[in-house]
N, C-alpha and C. Protein backbone atom coordinates (compact mmCIF):
# COMPACT_ATOMS: atom_id res chain seq x y z
N MET A 1 6.19 9.29 11.95
CA MET A 1 4.86 8.85 12.33
C MET A 1 4.20 7.86 11.34
N ARG A 2 3.77 6.75 11.85
CA ARG A 2 3.11 5.74 11.04
C ARG A 2 1.78 5.38 11.64
N SER A 3 0.86 5.22 10.74
CA SER A 3 -0.52 4.86 11.29
C SER A 3 -1.26 3.87 10.43
N LEU A 4 -2.16 3.25 11.08
CA LEU A 4 -2.84 2.07 10.39
C LEU A 4 -4.27 2.18 10.74
N LEU A 5 -5.16 1.86 9.75
CA LEU A 5 -6.58 1.67 9.95
C LEU A 5 -6.95 0.47 9.32
N THR A 6 -7.94 -0.26 9.81
CA THR A 6 -8.44 -1.41 9.25
C THR A 6 -10.05 -1.45 9.26
N LEU A 7 -10.58 -2.00 8.24
CA LEU A 7 -12.09 -2.03 8.26
C LEU A 7 -12.42 -3.32 7.50
N SER A 8 -13.27 -4.07 8.11
CA SER A 8 -13.60 -5.38 7.54
C SER A 8 -15.11 -5.59 7.66
N PHE A 9 -15.74 -6.09 6.62
CA PHE A 9 -17.19 -6.52 6.62
C PHE A 9 -17.25 -7.86 6.23
N ILE A 10 -18.02 -8.68 6.83
CA ILE A 10 -18.39 -9.98 6.35
C ILE A 10 -19.87 -9.87 6.14
N LEU A 11 -20.28 -9.52 4.88
CA LEU A 11 -21.74 -9.22 4.59
C LEU A 11 -22.13 -10.15 3.49
N ILE A 12 -23.46 -10.53 3.55
CA ILE A 12 -24.03 -11.12 2.37
C ILE A 12 -24.66 -10.03 1.54
N SER A 13 -24.35 -10.02 0.31
CA SER A 13 -24.83 -9.07 -0.62
C SER A 13 -26.14 -9.11 -0.82
N LEU A 14 -26.81 -7.95 -0.93
CA LEU A 14 -28.30 -8.01 -1.20
C LEU A 14 -28.59 -8.53 -2.59
N CYS A 15 -27.71 -8.35 -3.48
CA CYS A 15 -27.75 -8.91 -4.86
C CYS A 15 -26.70 -10.05 -4.95
N ALA A 16 -27.75 -11.47 -5.54
CA ALA A 16 -26.69 -12.48 -5.62
C ALA A 16 -25.41 -11.98 -6.50
N SER A 17 9.39 1.22 -14.57
CA SER A 17 10.49 2.31 -14.64
C SER A 17 11.47 1.67 -15.53
N ALA A 18 12.00 1.42 -15.00
CA ALA A 18 12.74 0.62 -15.96
C ALA A 18 11.78 -0.51 -16.39
N GLN A 19 10.97 -0.93 -15.50
CA GLN A 19 9.93 -1.86 -15.72
C GLN A 19 8.63 -1.25 -16.08
N ASP A 20 8.08 -1.49 -17.29
CA ASP A 20 6.72 -0.96 -17.75
C ASP A 20 5.72 -2.05 -17.19
N TRP A 21 5.18 -1.75 -16.10
CA TRP A 21 4.17 -2.71 -15.53
C TRP A 21 2.81 -2.37 -15.86
N THR A 22 2.19 -3.45 -16.42
CA THR A 22 0.83 -3.32 -16.83
C THR A 22 0.01 -4.47 -16.13
N VAL A 23 -1.35 -4.40 -16.33
CA VAL A 23 -2.26 -5.36 -15.81
C VAL A 23 -1.88 -6.79 -16.26
N GLN A 24 -1.39 -6.85 -17.49
CA GLN A 24 -0.98 -8.13 -18.07
C GLN A 24 0.15 -8.71 -17.40
N SER A 25 1.05 -7.82 -16.82
CA SER A 25 2.28 -8.34 -16.22
C SER A 25 2.02 -9.27 -15.00
N TYR A 26 0.87 -9.17 -14.32
CA TYR A 26 0.60 -9.93 -13.27
C TYR A 26 0.58 -11.52 -13.65
N ALA A 27 0.33 -11.79 -14.81
CA ALA A 27 0.30 -13.19 -15.24
C ALA A 27 1.65 -13.78 -15.39
N ASN A 28 2.71 -12.95 -15.36
CA ASN A 28 4.16 -13.37 -15.53
C ASN A 28 4.81 -13.75 -14.24
N TYR A 29 4.30 -13.39 -13.14
CA TYR A 29 5.06 -13.62 -11.82
C TYR A 29 4.04 -14.06 -10.77
N ASN A 30 4.64 -14.54 -9.71
CA ASN A 30 3.90 -14.95 -8.58
C ASN A 30 4.62 -14.55 -7.27
N GLU A 31 4.14 -14.90 -6.07
CA GLU A 31 4.76 -14.51 -4.86
C GLU A 31 6.26 -15.17 -4.64
N SER A 32 6.49 -16.16 -5.42
CA SER A 32 7.84 -16.89 -5.35
C SER A 32 8.80 -16.18 -6.30
N THR A 33 8.39 -15.66 -7.45
CA THR A 33 9.27 -15.27 -8.47
C THR A 33 9.39 -13.73 -8.73
N TYR A 34 8.49 -12.94 -8.00
CA TYR A 34 8.46 -11.49 -8.25
C TYR A 34 9.76 -10.72 -7.80
N HIS A 35 10.58 -11.36 -6.95
CA HIS A 35 11.80 -10.83 -6.56
C HIS A 35 12.75 -10.69 -7.73
N ASN A 36 12.55 -11.44 -8.82
CA ASN A 36 13.42 -11.34 -9.94
C ASN A 36 13.19 -10.13 -10.89
N ILE A 37 12.16 -9.38 -10.58
CA ILE A 37 12.03 -8.20 -11.28
C ILE A 37 13.04 -7.13 -10.85
N ALA A 38 13.98 -6.86 -11.81
CA ALA A 38 15.08 -5.96 -11.42
C ALA A 38 14.64 -4.59 -10.85
N ALA A 39 13.61 -4.02 -11.48
CA ALA A 39 13.17 -2.68 -11.13
C ALA A 39 12.78 -2.67 -9.66
N LEU A 40 12.31 -3.72 -9.14
CA LEU A 40 11.92 -3.71 -7.63
C LEU A 40 13.03 -3.35 -6.67
N HIS A 41 14.34 -3.54 -7.09
CA HIS A 41 15.40 -3.44 -6.29
C HIS A 41 16.01 -1.95 -6.52
N GLU A 42 15.45 -1.15 -7.28
CA GLU A 42 15.86 0.22 -7.44
C GLU A 42 15.34 1.11 -6.41
N ALA A 43 16.01 2.19 -5.96
CA ALA A 43 15.56 3.11 -5.15
C ALA A 43 14.42 3.92 -5.69
N ILE A 44 13.41 4.28 -4.89
CA ILE A 44 12.21 5.01 -5.40
C ILE A 44 12.58 6.36 -5.57
N ASP A 45 12.34 6.89 -6.84
CA ASP A 45 12.55 8.26 -7.20
C ASP A 45 11.33 8.99 -6.95
N PHE A 46 11.32 9.83 -5.85
CA PHE A 46 9.97 10.42 -5.41
C PHE A 46 9.60 11.55 -6.42
N ASN A 47 10.36 11.87 -7.43
CA ASN A 47 9.87 12.76 -8.40
C ASN A 47 9.26 12.00 -9.62
N SER A 48 9.40 10.68 -9.68
CA SER A 48 8.92 9.94 -10.71
C SER A 48 8.67 8.54 -10.30
N VAL A 49 7.68 8.37 -9.49
CA VAL A 49 7.33 7.04 -8.78
C VAL A 49 6.53 6.15 -9.87
N ASN A 50 7.01 4.93 -9.95
CA ASN A 50 6.30 3.84 -10.85
C ASN A 50 5.19 3.32 -9.98
N PHE A 51 4.04 3.88 -9.92
CA PHE A 51 2.97 3.54 -9.05
C PHE A 51 2.56 1.97 -9.34
N PRO A 52 2.28 1.75 -10.71
CA PRO A 52 1.82 0.36 -10.97
C PRO A 52 2.76 -0.69 -10.44
N LEU A 53 4.11 -0.40 -10.63
CA LEU A 53 5.12 -1.41 -10.04
C LEU A 53 5.13 -1.46 -8.60
N LEU A 54 4.91 -0.31 -7.94
CA LEU A 54 4.84 -0.26 -6.41
C LEU A 54 3.72 -1.05 -5.94
N GLN A 55 2.53 -0.91 -6.57
CA GLN A 55 1.36 -1.52 -6.22
C GLN A 55 1.51 -3.06 -6.40
N ALA A 56 2.11 -3.43 -7.47
CA ALA A 56 2.33 -4.80 -7.77
C ALA A 56 3.28 -5.46 -6.65
N ALA A 57 4.27 -4.62 -6.22
CA ALA A 57 5.13 -5.28 -5.20
C ALA A 57 4.42 -5.40 -3.89
N ILE A 58 3.40 -4.57 -3.52
CA ILE A 58 2.62 -4.74 -2.27
C ILE A 58 1.73 -5.96 -2.45
N PHE A 59 1.23 -6.12 -3.72
CA PHE A 59 0.26 -7.33 -3.94
C PHE A 59 1.05 -8.64 -3.69
N TYR A 60 2.32 -8.77 -4.26
CA TYR A 60 3.01 -9.95 -4.22
C TYR A 60 3.54 -10.17 -2.72
N ALA A 61 4.00 -9.06 -2.13
CA ALA A 61 4.48 -9.17 -0.72
C ALA A 61 3.38 -9.68 0.26
N THR A 62 2.09 -9.32 -0.17
CA THR A 62 1.03 -9.75 0.65
C THR A 62 0.73 -11.26 0.39
N ASN A 63 0.82 -11.66 -0.84
CA ASN A 63 0.68 -13.09 -1.21
C ASN A 63 1.81 -13.95 -0.55
N GLU A 64 2.89 -13.42 -0.36
CA GLU A 64 3.98 -14.14 0.35
C GLU A 64 3.49 -14.63 1.78
N GLU A 65 2.75 -13.73 2.42
CA GLU A 65 2.13 -13.98 3.73
C GLU A 65 1.08 -15.08 3.67
N ARG A 66 0.32 -14.98 2.66
CA ARG A 66 -0.71 -16.07 2.35
C ARG A 66 -0.05 -17.39 2.29
N LYS A 67 1.06 -17.39 1.42
CA LYS A 67 1.76 -18.69 1.20
C LYS A 67 2.27 -19.18 2.46
N LYS A 68 2.91 -18.32 3.36
CA LYS A 68 3.44 -18.78 4.66
C LYS A 68 2.40 -19.43 5.46
N ALA A 69 1.10 -18.87 5.37
CA ALA A 69 0.06 -19.39 6.11
C ALA A 69 -0.66 -20.60 5.50
N LYS A 70 -0.11 -21.03 4.37
CA LYS A 70 -0.68 -22.20 3.59
C LYS A 70 -2.17 -21.85 3.13
N LEU A 71 -2.34 -20.64 2.69
CA LEU A 71 -3.52 -20.23 2.10
C LEU A 71 -3.41 -20.02 0.69
N ALA A 72 -4.54 -20.08 -0.09
CA ALA A 72 -4.42 -19.75 -1.51
C ALA A 72 -4.06 -18.31 -1.78
N PRO A 73 -3.15 -18.01 -2.67
CA PRO A 73 -2.80 -16.58 -2.97
C PRO A 73 -4.02 -15.89 -3.48
N PHE A 74 -3.95 -14.58 -3.29
CA PHE A 74 -5.09 -13.67 -3.87
C PHE A 74 -4.95 -13.68 -5.38
N LYS A 75 -6.14 -13.54 -5.96
CA LYS A 75 -6.11 -13.35 -7.45
C LYS A 75 -6.07 -11.77 -7.56
N PHE A 76 -5.36 -11.36 -8.62
CA PHE A 76 -5.34 -9.87 -8.99
C PHE A 76 -6.60 -9.51 -9.79
N ARG A 77 -7.18 -8.43 -9.29
CA ARG A 77 -8.29 -7.89 -10.01
C ARG A 77 -8.13 -6.42 -10.23
N SER A 78 -8.00 -5.99 -11.49
CA SER A 78 -7.69 -4.61 -11.89
C SER A 78 -8.73 -3.64 -11.31
N GLU A 79 -10.06 -4.14 -11.24
CA GLU A 79 -11.13 -3.37 -10.72
C GLU A 79 -10.95 -3.00 -9.21
N ILE A 80 -10.47 -3.97 -8.49
CA ILE A 80 -10.12 -3.79 -7.07
C ILE A 80 -8.94 -2.83 -6.91
N GLU A 81 -7.94 -3.00 -7.84
CA GLU A 81 -6.87 -2.04 -7.74
C GLU A 81 -7.26 -0.63 -7.95
N ASN A 82 -8.22 -0.52 -8.89
CA ASN A 82 -8.81 0.84 -9.15
C ASN A 82 -9.44 1.40 -7.82
N VAL A 83 -10.16 0.54 -7.08
CA VAL A 83 -10.84 0.96 -5.89
C VAL A 83 -9.76 1.45 -4.94
N ALA A 84 -8.65 0.61 -4.73
CA ALA A 84 -7.57 0.94 -3.78
C ALA A 84 -6.84 2.15 -4.12
N SER A 85 -6.41 2.24 -5.42
CA SER A 85 -5.63 3.37 -5.80
C SER A 85 -6.39 4.60 -5.85
N GLY A 86 -7.64 4.54 -6.10
CA GLY A 86 -8.56 5.77 -6.12
C GLY A 86 -8.69 6.26 -4.73
N HIS A 87 -8.87 5.43 -3.78
CA HIS A 87 -9.05 5.87 -2.35
C HIS A 87 -7.68 6.43 -1.81
N ALA A 88 -6.54 5.86 -2.24
CA ALA A 88 -5.29 6.47 -1.83
C ALA A 88 -5.11 7.90 -2.42
N GLN A 89 -5.50 8.03 -3.63
CA GLN A 89 -5.44 9.24 -4.25
C GLN A 89 -6.32 10.40 -3.64
N ASP A 90 -7.58 9.86 -3.30
CA ASP A 90 -8.51 10.79 -2.67
C ASP A 90 -7.99 11.20 -1.32
N MET A 91 -7.42 10.32 -0.59
CA MET A 91 -6.96 10.72 0.83
C MET A 91 -5.85 11.76 0.66
N VAL A 92 -4.95 11.60 -0.37
CA VAL A 92 -3.90 12.59 -0.54
C VAL A 92 -4.38 13.92 -1.07
N LYS A 93 -5.31 13.84 -2.06
CA LYS A 93 -5.81 15.09 -2.72
C LYS A 93 -6.69 15.84 -1.73
N TYR A 94 -7.49 15.22 -1.00
CA TYR A 94 -8.51 15.91 -0.01
C TYR A 94 -8.02 16.02 1.35
N GLY A 95 -6.94 15.47 1.71
CA GLY A 95 -6.32 15.65 3.03
C GLY A 95 -7.09 14.98 4.14
N PHE A 96 -7.45 13.65 4.02
CA PHE A 96 -7.98 12.94 5.08
C PHE A 96 -7.40 11.51 5.14
N TYR A 97 -7.60 10.88 6.30
CA TYR A 97 -7.09 9.54 6.52
C TYR A 97 -8.17 8.70 7.16
N SER A 98 -8.88 7.97 6.32
CA SER A 98 -10.03 7.26 6.91
C SER A 98 -10.59 6.24 5.89
N HIS A 99 -11.30 5.26 6.43
CA HIS A 99 -12.08 4.36 5.58
C HIS A 99 -13.26 5.12 4.95
N THR A 100 -13.71 6.17 5.65
CA THR A 100 -14.81 6.97 5.17
C THR A 100 -14.34 8.10 4.30
N SER A 101 -14.74 8.13 3.00
CA SER A 101 -14.26 9.09 2.09
C SER A 101 -15.00 10.41 2.25
N ARG A 102 -14.39 11.53 1.85
CA ARG A 102 -15.07 12.78 1.92
C ARG A 102 -15.92 12.99 0.57
N ILE A 103 -15.70 12.11 -0.31
CA ILE A 103 -16.45 12.23 -1.53
C ILE A 103 -17.73 11.50 -1.48
N ARG A 104 -18.90 12.17 -1.66
CA ARG A 104 -20.21 11.56 -1.31
C ARG A 104 -20.39 10.21 -2.07
N ILE A 105 -20.16 10.17 -3.25
CA ILE A 105 -20.49 8.91 -3.95
C ILE A 105 -19.46 7.74 -3.65
N LYS A 106 -18.43 8.10 -2.91
CA LYS A 106 -17.41 7.10 -2.54
C LYS A 106 -17.35 6.92 -1.06
N ARG A 107 -18.50 7.31 -0.46
CA ARG A 107 -18.39 7.39 1.10
C ARG A 107 -17.87 6.16 1.77
N THR A 108 -18.44 4.99 1.42
CA THR A 108 -18.05 3.75 1.99
C THR A 108 -17.31 2.85 1.13
N VAL A 109 -16.72 1.76 1.73
CA VAL A 109 -15.94 0.79 0.99
C VAL A 109 -16.84 0.21 -0.10
N GLN A 110 -18.12 -0.15 0.32
CA GLN A 110 -19.06 -0.72 -0.62
C GLN A 110 -19.38 0.19 -1.71
N ASP A 111 -19.51 1.52 -1.50
CA ASP A 111 -19.72 2.49 -2.52
C ASP A 111 -18.68 2.48 -3.54
N ARG A 112 -17.41 2.36 -3.06
CA ARG A 112 -16.27 2.37 -3.98
C ARG A 112 -16.21 1.09 -4.82
N PHE A 113 -16.62 -0.06 -4.28
CA PHE A 113 -16.68 -1.26 -5.07
C PHE A 113 -17.76 -1.15 -6.07
N HIS A 114 -18.87 -0.58 -5.78
CA HIS A 114 -20.03 -0.49 -6.65
C HIS A 114 -19.64 0.38 -7.84
N LEU A 115 -18.93 1.40 -7.67
CA LEU A 115 -18.58 2.33 -8.68
C LEU A 115 -17.65 1.61 -9.73
N GLU A 116 -17.02 0.50 -9.35
CA GLU A 116 -16.20 -0.29 -10.29
C GLU A 116 -17.02 -1.50 -10.88
N GLY A 117 -18.28 -1.51 -10.50
CA GLY A 117 -19.18 -2.57 -10.97
C GLY A 117 -19.10 -3.89 -10.31
N LEU A 118 -18.54 -3.81 -9.06
CA LEU A 118 -18.37 -4.99 -8.21
C LEU A 118 -19.31 -5.01 -7.01
N ASN A 119 -19.76 -6.12 -6.64
CA ASN A 119 -20.63 -6.31 -5.62
C ASN A 119 -20.36 -7.62 -4.85
N PRO A 120 -19.16 -7.63 -4.16
CA PRO A 120 -18.67 -8.91 -3.49
C PRO A 120 -19.55 -9.23 -2.25
N GLN A 121 -19.59 -10.47 -2.02
CA GLN A 121 -20.30 -10.94 -0.90
C GLN A 121 -19.56 -10.61 0.41
N TYR A 122 -18.21 -10.70 0.35
CA TYR A 122 -17.36 -10.26 1.43
C TYR A 122 -16.34 -9.25 0.90
N TYR A 123 -16.03 -8.25 1.85
CA TYR A 123 -15.03 -7.34 1.38
C TYR A 123 -14.39 -6.74 2.56
N ALA A 124 -13.16 -6.16 2.43
CA ALA A 124 -12.47 -5.44 3.45
C ALA A 124 -11.52 -4.51 2.93
N GLU A 125 -11.00 -3.64 3.83
CA GLU A 125 -9.97 -2.67 3.45
C GLU A 125 -8.93 -2.43 4.61
N ASN A 126 -7.62 -2.39 4.25
CA ASN A 126 -6.63 -1.94 5.08
C ASN A 126 -6.03 -0.60 4.54
N ILE A 127 -5.74 0.29 5.45
CA ILE A 127 -5.09 1.53 4.94
C ILE A 127 -3.80 1.74 5.88
N CYS A 128 -2.87 2.47 5.28
CA CYS A 128 -1.65 2.82 6.04
C CYS A 128 -1.09 4.12 5.52
N SER A 129 -0.47 4.94 6.43
CA SER A 129 0.37 6.06 6.02
C SER A 129 1.73 5.80 6.60
N THR A 130 2.70 5.83 5.73
CA THR A 130 4.09 5.51 6.25
C THR A 130 5.18 6.17 5.44
N TYR A 131 6.41 6.14 5.87
CA TYR A 131 7.48 6.83 5.27
C TYR A 131 7.90 6.13 3.88
N GLY A 132 8.45 6.98 3.07
CA GLY A 132 8.97 6.45 1.78
C GLY A 132 10.40 6.20 1.94
N LEU A 133 11.05 6.76 3.06
CA LEU A 133 12.43 6.51 3.39
C LEU A 133 12.63 5.42 4.45
N GLN A 134 13.80 4.82 4.44
CA GLN A 134 14.03 3.76 5.31
C GLN A 134 14.40 4.22 6.69
N TYR A 135 13.47 5.01 7.21
CA TYR A 135 13.63 5.74 8.45
C TYR A 135 13.39 4.77 9.66
N GLN A 136 14.31 4.93 10.67
CA GLN A 136 14.25 4.13 11.90
C GLN A 136 13.37 4.81 12.93
N THR A 137 12.31 4.19 13.23
CA THR A 137 11.23 4.89 14.03
C THR A 137 11.91 5.40 15.32
N GLY A 138 11.50 6.50 15.77
CA GLY A 138 11.96 7.12 16.99
C GLY A 138 13.19 7.96 16.93
N ARG A 139 13.94 7.89 15.92
CA ARG A 139 15.16 8.73 15.86
C ARG A 139 14.89 10.09 15.32
N LYS A 140 15.58 11.11 15.86
CA LYS A 140 15.35 12.46 15.53
C LYS A 140 15.91 12.77 14.06
N VAL A 141 15.33 13.56 13.45
CA VAL A 141 15.72 13.92 11.96
C VAL A 141 16.14 15.47 11.83
N ASN A 142 17.13 15.70 11.09
CA ASN A 142 17.55 17.20 10.82
C ASN A 142 16.61 17.57 9.70
N PRO A 143 16.30 18.96 9.78
CA PRO A 143 15.68 19.51 8.59
C PRO A 143 16.50 19.31 7.34
N PRO A 144 15.86 19.01 6.21
CA PRO A 144 16.61 18.70 5.00
C PRO A 144 17.22 19.89 4.32
N TYR A 145 16.82 21.09 4.77
CA TYR A 145 17.21 22.28 4.00
C TYR A 145 18.72 22.53 4.11
N PRO A 146 19.40 23.09 3.11
CA PRO A 146 18.88 23.36 1.83
C PRO A 146 19.08 22.19 0.79
N SER A 147 19.76 21.07 1.27
CA SER A 147 20.15 19.99 0.36
C SER A 147 18.96 19.09 -0.12
N GLY A 148 17.86 19.07 0.84
CA GLY A 148 16.79 18.20 0.46
C GLY A 148 17.02 16.78 0.84
N VAL A 149 18.27 16.42 1.42
CA VAL A 149 18.58 15.14 1.92
C VAL A 149 18.27 15.03 3.39
N PHE A 150 17.53 14.02 3.77
CA PHE A 150 17.23 13.81 5.13
C PHE A 150 18.31 13.06 5.80
N THR A 151 18.69 13.54 7.01
CA THR A 151 19.74 12.84 7.85
C THR A 151 19.28 12.74 9.24
N TYR A 152 19.90 11.83 10.00
CA TYR A 152 19.58 11.70 11.45
C TYR A 152 20.30 12.77 12.26
N ALA A 153 19.59 13.33 13.25
CA ALA A 153 20.15 14.35 14.13
C ALA A 153 21.07 13.63 15.25
N ARG A 154 21.82 14.40 15.86
CA ARG A 154 22.64 13.94 17.02
C ARG A 154 23.52 12.70 16.74
N THR A 155 24.16 12.74 15.60
CA THR A 155 25.14 11.70 15.27
C THR A 155 26.38 12.40 14.98
N SER A 156 27.58 11.66 15.16
CA SER A 156 28.82 12.18 14.97
C SER A 156 29.20 12.36 13.48
N LYS A 157 28.48 11.67 12.64
CA LYS A 157 28.71 11.78 11.23
C LYS A 157 27.38 12.12 10.57
N ARG A 158 27.33 12.43 9.25
CA ARG A 158 26.27 12.87 8.48
C ARG A 158 25.62 11.45 8.06
N GLU A 159 24.66 10.98 8.85
CA GLU A 159 24.03 9.65 8.51
C GLU A 159 22.74 9.94 7.63
N VAL A 160 22.87 9.69 6.35
CA VAL A 160 21.73 9.88 5.44
C VAL A 160 20.74 8.81 5.56
N ILE A 161 19.45 9.19 5.52
CA ILE A 161 18.30 8.29 5.47
C ILE A 161 18.05 7.91 4.04
N PRO A 162 18.28 6.64 3.69
CA PRO A 162 18.04 6.40 2.27
C PRO A 162 16.63 6.09 1.87
N PRO A 163 16.28 6.29 0.59
CA PRO A 163 14.88 5.96 0.20
C PRO A 163 14.79 4.46 0.21
N HIS A 164 13.51 4.04 0.30
CA HIS A 164 13.18 2.66 0.10
C HIS A 164 13.35 2.26 -1.35
N THR A 165 13.70 1.05 -1.57
CA THR A 165 13.45 0.51 -3.01
C THR A 165 11.96 0.10 -3.02
N TYR A 166 11.50 -0.35 -4.21
CA TYR A 166 10.10 -0.73 -4.32
C TYR A 166 9.79 -1.95 -3.47
N LEU A 167 10.88 -2.88 -3.47
CA LEU A 167 10.67 -4.13 -2.69
C LEU A 167 10.66 -3.79 -1.18
N THR A 168 11.68 -3.03 -0.67
CA THR A 168 11.83 -2.92 0.71
C THR A 168 10.58 -2.13 1.29
N PHE A 169 9.98 -1.15 0.41
CA PHE A 169 8.86 -0.46 0.85
C PHE A 169 7.61 -1.42 0.92
N ALA A 170 7.47 -2.24 -0.08
CA ALA A 170 6.30 -3.14 -0.06
C ALA A 170 6.42 -4.16 1.14
N LYS A 171 7.61 -4.61 1.45
CA LYS A 171 7.73 -5.52 2.56
C LYS A 171 7.46 -4.80 3.89
N SER A 172 7.97 -3.59 3.95
CA SER A 172 7.78 -2.80 5.22
C SER A 172 6.37 -2.47 5.56
N VAL A 173 5.56 -2.18 4.54
CA VAL A 173 4.19 -1.83 4.74
C VAL A 173 3.37 -3.10 5.05
N VAL A 174 3.63 -4.15 4.43
CA VAL A 174 2.96 -5.40 4.65
C VAL A 174 3.31 -5.88 6.05
N LYS A 175 4.49 -5.68 6.47
CA LYS A 175 4.91 -6.06 7.85
C LYS A 175 4.10 -5.27 8.90
N LEU A 176 3.94 -3.98 8.55
CA LEU A 176 3.14 -3.16 9.45
C LEU A 176 1.66 -3.80 9.69
N TRP A 177 1.11 -4.15 8.55
CA TRP A 177 -0.22 -4.68 8.58
C TRP A 177 -0.11 -6.03 9.34
N MET A 178 0.82 -6.88 9.08
CA MET A 178 0.89 -8.18 9.67
C MET A 178 1.08 -8.13 11.18
N ASP A 179 1.79 -6.99 11.60
CA ASP A 179 1.94 -6.82 13.06
C ASP A 179 0.74 -6.27 13.77
N SER A 180 -0.33 -5.99 13.02
CA SER A 180 -1.49 -5.37 13.62
C SER A 180 -2.63 -6.47 13.39
N PRO A 181 -3.20 -6.91 14.55
CA PRO A 181 -4.12 -8.00 14.50
C PRO A 181 -5.32 -7.84 13.53
N GLY A 182 -5.91 -6.70 13.54
CA GLY A 182 -7.07 -6.53 12.65
C GLY A 182 -6.63 -6.54 11.11
N HIS A 183 -5.51 -6.03 10.78
CA HIS A 183 -5.01 -5.98 9.43
C HIS A 183 -4.58 -7.30 8.97
N ARG A 184 -3.98 -8.08 9.96
CA ARG A 184 -3.44 -9.44 9.68
C ARG A 184 -4.74 -10.40 9.45
N GLN A 185 -5.73 -10.07 10.15
CA GLN A 185 -6.99 -11.02 10.03
C GLN A 185 -7.47 -10.79 8.58
N ASN A 186 -7.56 -9.56 8.14
CA ASN A 186 -7.86 -9.39 6.70
C ASN A 186 -7.02 -10.08 5.70
N ILE A 187 -5.72 -9.88 5.86
CA ILE A 187 -4.83 -10.55 4.90
C ILE A 187 -4.97 -12.13 4.89
N LEU A 188 -5.17 -12.60 6.02
CA LEU A 188 -5.19 -14.12 6.12
C LEU A 188 -6.52 -14.74 6.21
N ASN A 189 -7.60 -13.90 5.90
CA ASN A 189 -8.99 -14.35 5.91
C ASN A 189 -9.16 -15.21 4.70
N PRO A 190 -9.53 -16.53 4.87
CA PRO A 190 -9.72 -17.47 3.75
C PRO A 190 -11.00 -17.14 2.87
N GLN A 191 -11.89 -16.30 3.36
CA GLN A 191 -13.02 -15.89 2.69
C GLN A 191 -12.79 -14.89 1.57
N PHE A 192 -11.63 -14.30 1.67
CA PHE A 192 -11.19 -13.29 0.64
C PHE A 192 -10.33 -14.06 -0.38
N ASN A 193 -10.62 -13.88 -1.67
CA ASN A 193 -9.78 -14.54 -2.71
C ASN A 193 -9.24 -13.55 -3.66
N SER A 194 -9.54 -12.26 -3.67
CA SER A 194 -9.15 -11.25 -4.56
C SER A 194 -8.59 -10.06 -3.91
N LEU A 195 -7.62 -9.35 -4.51
CA LEU A 195 -6.94 -8.26 -3.91
C LEU A 195 -6.51 -7.33 -4.96
N GLY A 196 -6.56 -6.02 -4.62
CA GLY A 196 -5.98 -4.91 -5.33
C GLY A 196 -5.34 -3.91 -4.39
N CYS A 197 -4.22 -3.40 -4.74
CA CYS A 197 -3.42 -2.51 -3.89
C CYS A 197 -3.34 -1.11 -4.57
N GLY A 198 -3.35 -0.10 -3.68
CA GLY A 198 -3.05 1.26 -4.18
C GLY A 198 -2.07 1.97 -3.45
N ALA A 199 -1.32 2.98 -3.91
CA ALA A 199 -0.37 3.78 -3.16
C ALA A 199 -0.26 5.12 -3.86
N ARG A 200 -0.16 6.16 -3.09
CA ARG A 200 0.07 7.52 -3.58
C ARG A 200 0.97 8.30 -2.68
N LEU A 201 1.76 9.14 -3.28
CA LEU A 201 2.79 9.89 -2.54
C LEU A 201 2.21 11.24 -1.97
N TYR A 202 2.67 11.66 -0.73
CA TYR A 202 2.50 12.93 -0.30
C TYR A 202 3.68 13.27 0.56
N LEU A 203 3.62 14.60 0.99
CA LEU A 203 4.80 15.14 1.82
C LEU A 203 4.23 15.42 3.23
N GLU A 204 4.79 14.84 4.25
CA GLU A 204 4.26 14.85 5.48
C GLU A 204 4.78 16.18 6.22
N LYS A 205 3.83 17.16 6.50
CA LYS A 205 4.22 18.43 6.97
C LYS A 205 4.91 18.38 8.35
N SER A 206 4.36 17.43 9.13
CA SER A 206 4.88 17.31 10.52
C SER A 206 6.28 16.76 10.57
N ALA A 207 6.86 16.28 9.49
CA ALA A 207 8.23 15.62 9.43
C ALA A 207 8.97 16.28 8.37
N TYR A 208 9.01 17.69 8.35
CA TYR A 208 9.81 18.40 7.35
C TYR A 208 9.60 18.10 5.94
N ASN A 209 8.31 17.72 5.59
CA ASN A 209 7.89 17.38 4.32
C ASN A 209 8.63 16.09 3.79
N MET A 210 8.84 15.09 4.69
CA MET A 210 9.46 13.92 4.31
C MET A 210 8.40 13.14 3.37
N PRO A 211 8.95 12.49 2.29
CA PRO A 211 8.01 11.77 1.50
C PRO A 211 7.40 10.60 2.25
N TYR A 212 6.07 10.54 2.09
CA TYR A 212 5.30 9.47 2.74
C TYR A 212 4.30 8.90 1.63
N PHE A 213 3.79 7.70 1.94
CA PHE A 213 2.78 7.19 0.95
C PHE A 213 1.41 6.78 1.79
N MET A 214 0.30 7.17 1.10
CA MET A 214 -0.89 6.42 1.54
C MET A 214 -0.97 5.24 0.86
N VAL A 215 -1.27 4.13 1.50
CA VAL A 215 -1.34 2.83 0.98
C VAL A 215 -2.72 2.18 1.29
N VAL A 216 -3.33 1.56 0.31
CA VAL A 216 -4.57 0.91 0.54
C VAL A 216 -4.59 -0.57 -0.02
N GLN A 217 -5.15 -1.49 0.78
CA GLN A 217 -5.42 -2.80 0.26
C GLN A 217 -6.91 -2.94 0.27
N ASN A 218 -7.53 -3.52 -0.81
CA ASN A 218 -8.89 -3.89 -0.79
C ASN A 218 -9.03 -5.37 -1.15
N PHE A 219 -9.82 -6.07 -0.33
CA PHE A 219 -10.01 -7.50 -0.43
C PHE A 219 -11.45 -7.69 -0.84
N GLY A 220 -11.66 -8.77 -1.65
CA GLY A 220 -12.96 -9.16 -1.95
C GLY A 220 -13.11 -10.70 -2.20
N SER A 221 -14.41 -11.11 -2.19
CA SER A 221 -14.75 -12.45 -2.54
C SER A 221 -15.43 -12.44 -3.93
N LEU A 222 -14.77 -12.68 -4.96
CA LEU A 222 -15.24 -12.53 -6.27
C LEU A 222 -14.88 -13.77 -7.14
C-alpha cells in the first residue's frame, strides 16, 4: 500500500555509508552528477540506513524533474531538511500520517518552519508512505517468517523481492509525487526556490512488517 498527501500554501508572510554525507556534500554534486556517488547504487540495509544520503538522493532526483521542466533547481537548505526529517520522524514515532502534526508546537507546516527560524513567503509540503523494497504493486506476498526474506506468493519459483538501492528508492518516490497532480504542482512551482527532504523507516503491520519509509518534502521561497 502506498499513499500520498500534499499540502500547499501560497501565503504572504505577516513578517517581511560507504559515503559519509554531510550538509557540505551538497556543494559537490548537482542533479546531473549525483549518479556518480557510488553509495547510491548500494542496496539499502534496513538495519543501518544512511538517512542523510537517502535524503540527498531524493533532493537530487527532485531537481532532475525541475531540470526537465527547464526550471531553476532547488537550493538545499539544512533548516528545511530539519523540518522535513523531523516531521517524518514524528509521523513514525507517534503513529500518524498527516500534514497536521500531533505535537502541539509543530501542528502546522508553518509552525514547523518557525521552529527552525524560517518564515518563508511561500511554502508547501509533500508526504508519502511507501515500500523500501522493489515491490510490484498488486502482487501477493508470502509471510517472511522465519527467514525474514520477502517473496511473491503463487509463483513456481521462490521470487525474492529485493530492497531498493538509495537511487532507485529516491526515483520511485519522486515518480509517485510526479504522477500526482497536487504533488507535481509543488515540485514544479517556480515560486519555490528551496527544498529539504526527510525520510524515516518503519515496519508496516498490514504487510507482514515489510520495511516502509515515511518521506517528506518541504518547499520554501527563501
